[in-house]
Protein backbone atom coordinates (compact mmCIF):
# COMPACT_ATOMS: atom_id res chain seq x y z
CA MET A 1 9.24 -1.25 14.62
CA VAL A 2 9.55 -1.48 10.84
CA ALA A 3 8.00 1.60 9.20
CA PHE A 4 6.52 1.70 5.69
CA LEU A 5 5.57 4.41 3.20
CA PHE A 6 3.34 3.95 0.17
CA TRP A 7 2.65 6.76 -2.28
CA ASN A 8 1.29 6.90 -5.82
CA ILE A 9 3.34 9.91 -6.96
CA ASN A 10 1.49 10.45 -10.26
CA LYS A 11 4.73 10.42 -12.32
CA ASN A 12 5.69 13.72 -10.72
CA LYS A 13 9.36 14.44 -9.94
CA ALA A 14 8.29 17.31 -7.67
CA THR A 15 7.39 14.67 -5.06
CA LEU A 16 11.03 13.56 -4.78
CA PRO A 17 12.18 15.91 -1.99
CA LEU A 18 8.94 15.19 -0.13
CA ILE A 19 9.56 11.43 -0.28
CA ALA A 20 12.98 12.06 1.22
CA ASP A 21 11.44 14.28 3.92
CA ILE A 22 8.88 11.60 4.83
CA GLY A 23 11.66 9.03 5.07
CA GLU A 24 13.58 11.21 7.48
CA LEU A 25 10.67 12.60 9.52
CA TYR A 26 9.07 9.20 10.12
CA SER A 27 12.20 6.99 10.04
CA ILE A 28 10.77 4.97 7.15
CA ASP A 29 12.45 1.60 6.55
CA ILE A 30 10.65 0.49 3.37
CA ILE A 31 9.36 2.79 0.63
CA LEU A 32 6.93 1.58 -2.04
CA LEU A 33 6.09 3.97 -4.90
CA ALA A 34 3.50 3.65 -7.65
CA GLU A 35 3.59 5.60 -10.92
CA CYS A 36 7.26 6.35 -10.32
CA THR A 37 9.14 7.33 -13.48
CA ILE A 38 12.14 8.82 -11.68
CA GLU A 39 15.42 7.13 -12.56
CA PRO A 40 16.80 4.98 -9.69
CA GLY A 41 20.05 6.93 -9.51
CA GLU A 42 18.28 10.26 -9.23
CA LEU A 43 15.86 8.83 -6.69
CA LEU A 44 18.63 7.53 -4.45
CA SER A 45 20.76 10.63 -4.83
CA GLN A 46 17.95 12.80 -3.44
CA LEU A 47 16.95 10.32 -0.74
CA ASN A 48 20.48 9.88 0.57
CA HIS A 49 21.97 13.34 0.15
CA GLY A 50 22.99 14.74 3.52
CA ARG A 51 20.65 12.43 5.43
CA ASP A 52 21.14 9.82 8.13
CA ASN A 53 18.55 7.45 6.62
CA LYS A 54 20.38 5.75 3.72
CA TYR A 55 18.30 3.87 1.17
CA PHE A 56 19.25 1.10 -1.22
CA TYR A 57 17.63 0.22 -4.53
CA PHE A 58 17.11 -3.36 -5.61
CA GLY A 59 17.65 -3.60 -9.36
CA PHE A 60 15.88 -6.09 -11.54
CA SER A 61 12.18 -6.64 -10.96
CA ARG A 62 9.43 -8.03 -13.13
CA CYS A 63 7.02 -5.59 -11.53
CA GLU A 64 6.75 -2.45 -13.65
CA LYS A 65 4.28 -0.60 -11.44
CA ILE A 66 5.93 -0.61 -8.00
CA VAL A 67 9.37 0.67 -7.01
CA VAL A 68 10.73 -0.65 -3.70
CA LEU A 69 13.48 1.01 -1.69
CA THR A 70 14.73 -0.01 1.72
CA ARG A 71 17.28 0.89 4.39
CA PHE A 72 18.31 -2.77 4.60
CA ASN A 73 21.60 -3.13 2.75
CA GLU A 74 21.39 -6.84 2.02
CA ALA A 75 19.23 -7.94 -0.91
CA SER A 76 18.68 -11.28 0.81
CA PHE A 77 16.77 -9.48 3.59
CA ILE A 78 13.89 -8.55 1.26
CA ARG A 79 13.97 -10.81 -1.77
CA PRO A 80 11.17 -11.16 -4.35
CA VAL A 81 9.22 -14.42 -4.12
CA ALA A 82 6.49 -13.69 -6.67
CA GLU A 83 5.95 -10.90 -9.18
CA SER A 84 3.79 -9.82 -12.07
CA SER A 85 3.64 -6.58 -14.03
CA ARG A 86 1.48 -4.99 -11.31
CA VAL A 87 2.49 -6.86 -8.16
CA THR A 88 5.68 -7.51 -6.25
CA ILE A 89 5.68 -9.84 -3.23
CA ARG A 90 8.83 -9.65 -1.10
CA HIS A 91 9.92 -11.94 1.73
CA LEU A 92 11.30 -9.75 4.53
CA GLN A 93 13.75 -11.75 6.66
CA MET A 94 15.67 -9.59 9.12
CA PRO A 95 17.97 -11.04 11.78
CA GLY A 96 16.20 -11.15 15.14
CA LEU A 97 12.76 -10.32 13.65
CA ILE A 98 9.90 -12.53 12.54
CA ASP A 99 9.74 -12.86 8.76
CA ILE A 100 6.78 -11.50 6.79
CA LEU A 101 5.55 -11.15 3.23
CA ILE A 102 5.13 -7.64 1.81
CA ALA A 103 2.91 -7.42 -1.26
CA GLY A 104 2.91 -4.12 -3.14
CA THR A 105 0.50 -3.46 -5.98
CA HIS A 106 -0.92 -0.90 -8.35
CA HIS A 107 -4.27 -2.35 -9.38
CA ILE A 108 -5.91 -1.68 -12.73
CA SER A 109 -7.69 1.67 -13.01
CA LYS A 110 -11.42 2.30 -13.21
CA ASN A 111 -10.69 4.64 -16.12
CA HIS A 112 -9.51 1.80 -18.33
CA SER A 113 -11.32 -1.29 -17.03
CA SER A 114 -14.74 -2.50 -15.95
CA PRO A 115 -15.74 -3.52 -12.41
CA THR A 116 -15.73 -7.11 -13.69
CA SER A 117 -12.12 -6.76 -14.81
CA GLN A 118 -11.12 -5.20 -11.49
CA TYR A 119 -12.76 -8.08 -9.63
CA SER A 120 -11.06 -10.69 -11.84
CA MET A 121 -7.68 -9.08 -11.24
CA ALA A 122 -8.38 -9.02 -7.47
CA GLU A 123 -9.02 -12.77 -7.65
CA GLU A 124 -5.69 -13.20 -9.45
CA LEU A 125 -3.92 -11.08 -6.83
CA SER A 126 -5.46 -13.17 -4.07
CA ARG A 127 -4.22 -16.38 -5.70
CA LEU A 128 -0.73 -14.95 -6.13
CA ILE A 129 -0.58 -14.01 -2.45
CA LYS A 130 -1.85 -17.40 -1.29
CA ASP A 131 0.71 -19.17 -3.50
CA ALA A 132 3.49 -17.03 -1.99
CA GLU A 133 2.24 -17.82 1.52
CA LYS A 134 2.30 -21.52 0.71
CA ASN A 135 5.83 -21.11 -0.63
CA VAL A 136 7.21 -19.51 2.57
CA GLY A 137 5.08 -21.60 4.94
CA HIS A 138 3.11 -18.88 6.74
CA SER A 139 0.47 -16.17 6.19
CA ARG A 140 2.10 -13.21 7.93
CA THR A 141 1.30 -10.97 4.99
CA VAL A 142 0.76 -7.25 4.51
CA LEU A 143 -0.69 -5.96 1.23
CA VAL A 144 -0.25 -2.29 0.40
CA GLY A 145 -0.86 -0.24 -2.69
CA ASP A 146 -3.19 1.72 -4.90
CA LEU A 147 -6.03 -0.77 -5.25
CA ASN A 148 -8.17 1.58 -7.38
CA MET A 149 -11.19 0.27 -5.47
CA ASN A 150 -12.84 1.45 -2.27
CA PRO A 151 -12.86 -0.86 0.78
CA PHE A 152 -16.54 -1.68 0.22
CA GLU A 153 -16.19 -2.82 -3.40
CA GLU A 154 -16.56 -6.43 -4.49
CA GLY A 155 -12.90 -7.00 -5.29
CA LEU A 156 -12.00 -6.08 -1.71
CA VAL A 157 -14.75 -7.79 0.29
CA SER A 158 -15.66 -10.89 -1.73
CA ALA A 159 -14.45 -14.20 -0.28
CA GLY A 160 -13.09 -15.26 -3.66
CA ALA A 161 -11.09 -12.05 -4.03
CA LEU A 162 -9.24 -10.24 -1.22
CA HIS A 163 -11.83 -10.95 1.49
CA ALA A 164 -10.87 -7.83 3.47
CA VAL A 165 -13.16 -6.95 6.38
CA SER A 166 -13.52 -3.91 8.62
CA SER A 167 -13.67 -5.86 11.89
CA GLN A 168 -10.62 -7.22 13.70
CA GLN A 169 -12.86 -9.61 15.60
CA ILE A 170 -14.16 -11.16 12.39
CA ALA A 171 -10.74 -11.23 10.73
CA LEU A 172 -9.32 -13.10 13.74
CA ARG A 173 -11.52 -16.05 12.82
CA ASN A 174 -8.81 -16.48 10.15
CA THR A 175 -11.06 -18.04 7.50
CA ARG A 176 -14.69 -18.27 6.41
CA LYS A 177 -16.27 -21.27 4.73
CA VAL A 178 -18.44 -20.54 1.68
CA GLN A 179 -20.12 -23.47 -0.07
CA GLY A 180 -17.54 -25.88 1.34
CA THR A 181 -14.42 -23.82 0.58
CA GLU A 182 -12.32 -22.02 3.21
CA TYR A 183 -11.29 -18.46 2.35
CA PRO A 184 -8.69 -16.57 4.42
CA PHE A 185 -9.43 -13.07 5.69
CA PHE A 186 -7.55 -9.83 5.41
CA TYR A 187 -8.23 -7.09 7.93
CA ASN A 188 -8.66 -3.65 6.37
CA PRO A 189 -8.08 -0.74 8.79
CA MET A 190 -8.60 1.77 5.96
CA TRP A 191 -12.38 1.64 6.50
CA ASN A 192 -11.68 4.23 9.21
CA PHE A 193 -10.86 6.84 6.54
CA LEU A 194 -14.18 6.60 4.70
CA ALA A 195 -16.02 9.34 6.61
CA ASP A 196 -15.06 12.72 8.01
CA VAL A 197 -16.08 11.82 11.57
CA HIS A 198 -12.61 10.42 12.28
CA ALA A 199 -10.74 11.56 9.18
CA ASP A 200 -10.90 14.92 7.43
CA PRO A 201 -10.71 14.78 4.49
CA PRO A 202 -12.37 11.36 4.19
CA GLY A 203 -10.12 9.55 1.76
CA THR A 204 -6.79 9.32 -0.06
CA TYR A 205 -7.91 10.23 -3.58
CA TYR A 206 -10.39 12.85 -4.80
CA TYR A 207 -12.33 12.67 -8.06
CA CYS A 208 -15.47 14.58 -8.99
CA ALA A 209 -17.09 12.65 -11.83
CA SER A 210 -19.29 14.39 -14.40
CA ASP A 211 -22.01 11.92 -13.63
CA HIS A 212 -25.10 11.63 -11.48
CA MET A 213 -23.19 9.45 -9.03
CA SER A 214 -19.85 10.51 -7.57
CA TYR A 215 -18.19 9.51 -4.29
CA PHE A 216 -15.87 12.55 -4.52
CA TRP A 217 -13.45 11.15 -1.90
CA ASN A 218 -12.20 7.58 -2.30
CA VAL A 219 -9.93 5.33 -0.27
CA PHE A 220 -7.97 3.71 -3.08
CA ASP A 221 -4.63 3.64 -1.24
CA GLN A 222 -4.84 0.89 1.35
CA VAL A 223 -2.95 -1.45 3.63
CA LEU A 224 -4.46 -4.88 4.38
CA ILE A 225 -3.09 -7.28 6.97
CA ARG A 226 -3.58 -10.96 7.59
CA PRO A 227 -4.95 -11.97 11.03
CA ASP A 228 -1.52 -13.29 12.05
CA LEU A 229 -0.17 -9.72 11.98
CA ILE A 230 -3.04 -7.85 13.67
CA ASN A 231 -1.37 -7.96 17.09
CA ARG A 232 1.83 -6.58 15.52
CA PHE A 233 0.18 -3.73 13.62
CA ALA A 234 0.76 -0.33 15.26
CA PHE A 235 -2.67 1.23 14.75
CA GLN A 236 -1.55 4.56 16.18
CA ASN A 237 1.08 4.84 13.43
CA LEU A 238 -1.30 4.35 10.51
CA LYS A 239 -1.56 7.79 8.93
CA ARG A 240 -2.66 9.34 5.70
CA LEU A 241 -0.39 12.36 5.32
CA LEU A 242 -1.94 15.74 4.56
CA GLU A 243 1.26 17.70 4.97
CA ILE A 244 4.98 17.00 5.07
CA GLY A 245 6.78 19.38 7.36
CA THR A 246 5.50 22.80 6.33
CA THR A 247 4.37 21.63 2.87
CA SER A 248 0.64 21.01 2.47
CA LEU A 249 -0.44 18.31 0.04
CA LEU A 250 -3.92 19.85 -0.12
CA SER A 251 -5.12 22.88 -2.03
CA GLY A 252 -7.11 25.73 -0.54
CA LYS A 253 -10.22 23.74 -1.42
CA GLY A 254 -8.97 20.84 0.72
CA ILE A 255 -8.28 18.40 -2.13
CA PRO A 256 -4.92 16.91 -3.28
CA ARG A 257 -2.69 19.31 -5.20
CA LYS A 258 -2.70 17.13 -8.31
CA ASN A 259 -0.92 19.62 -10.58
CA VAL A 260 1.78 20.33 -7.98
CA TYR A 261 2.49 16.93 -6.39
CA SER A 262 0.05 14.03 -6.74
CA ASP A 263 -3.65 13.25 -6.92
CA HIS A 264 -3.08 10.64 -4.19
CA LEU A 265 -2.13 11.16 -0.55
CA PRO A 266 0.70 9.04 0.92
CA ILE A 267 0.05 6.52 3.69
CA ILE A 268 2.48 5.36 6.38
CA PHE A 269 2.23 2.49 8.86
CA SER A 270 4.44 0.26 10.97
CA LEU A 271 4.71 -3.29 12.26
CA ASP A 272 6.29 -4.47 15.48
CA LEU A 273 8.34 -7.40 14.26
């Protein structure tokens, strides 16, 4: 199994020991962080101090919004194949394992952009991923990040954008033809966190808008997988963390402790490669 952590840490250095704890508790192999302003040296010093899990930082990246750390000590094992200011797509090639693409992103915020802009950027992200897939010759892709959209929004579900569906059965059709054009699917398991029947609290990010309409809980932090990886996705290991060891990430009101750690909850998952 290759285990992943994604967390938007809200530019908060207080999350640093918790990131290290997650890495150790869940044997995380690849860490992706959004809104990380911690210097690489300080980050690695905390992650590696007195721990068995040793992490390595890969230096230059065109992506300003995502920091990637890994336990793999060869840069060639997880090299960038496509990047923009908000997206990094890495080709993971480990000896004895099938190779995959890992796309990490921090999508544009609702606070500073319109739904139209978010949709347009989702189209651009989709094109970037498809170009990377063409480059490596397969579509074994996992997309993870703070998408700043809920799973039901247009940028996630539209065929021309990320085309992410809630049904494995539908995703396994691989593509859908719309007006003569084939569009590949993503499968989005994060739909399961939208209600408190199976997940309490129901989301990864809480925001109470001073408006007539507010969702309160949102699932902005997501992992999407191409159909070719569904049978390798360990569904039982997909978790949205509410606590790390004895440290709760939620306040007494049951919402993220924004002023202490982050306004987002971390997600972990794994793939059997």
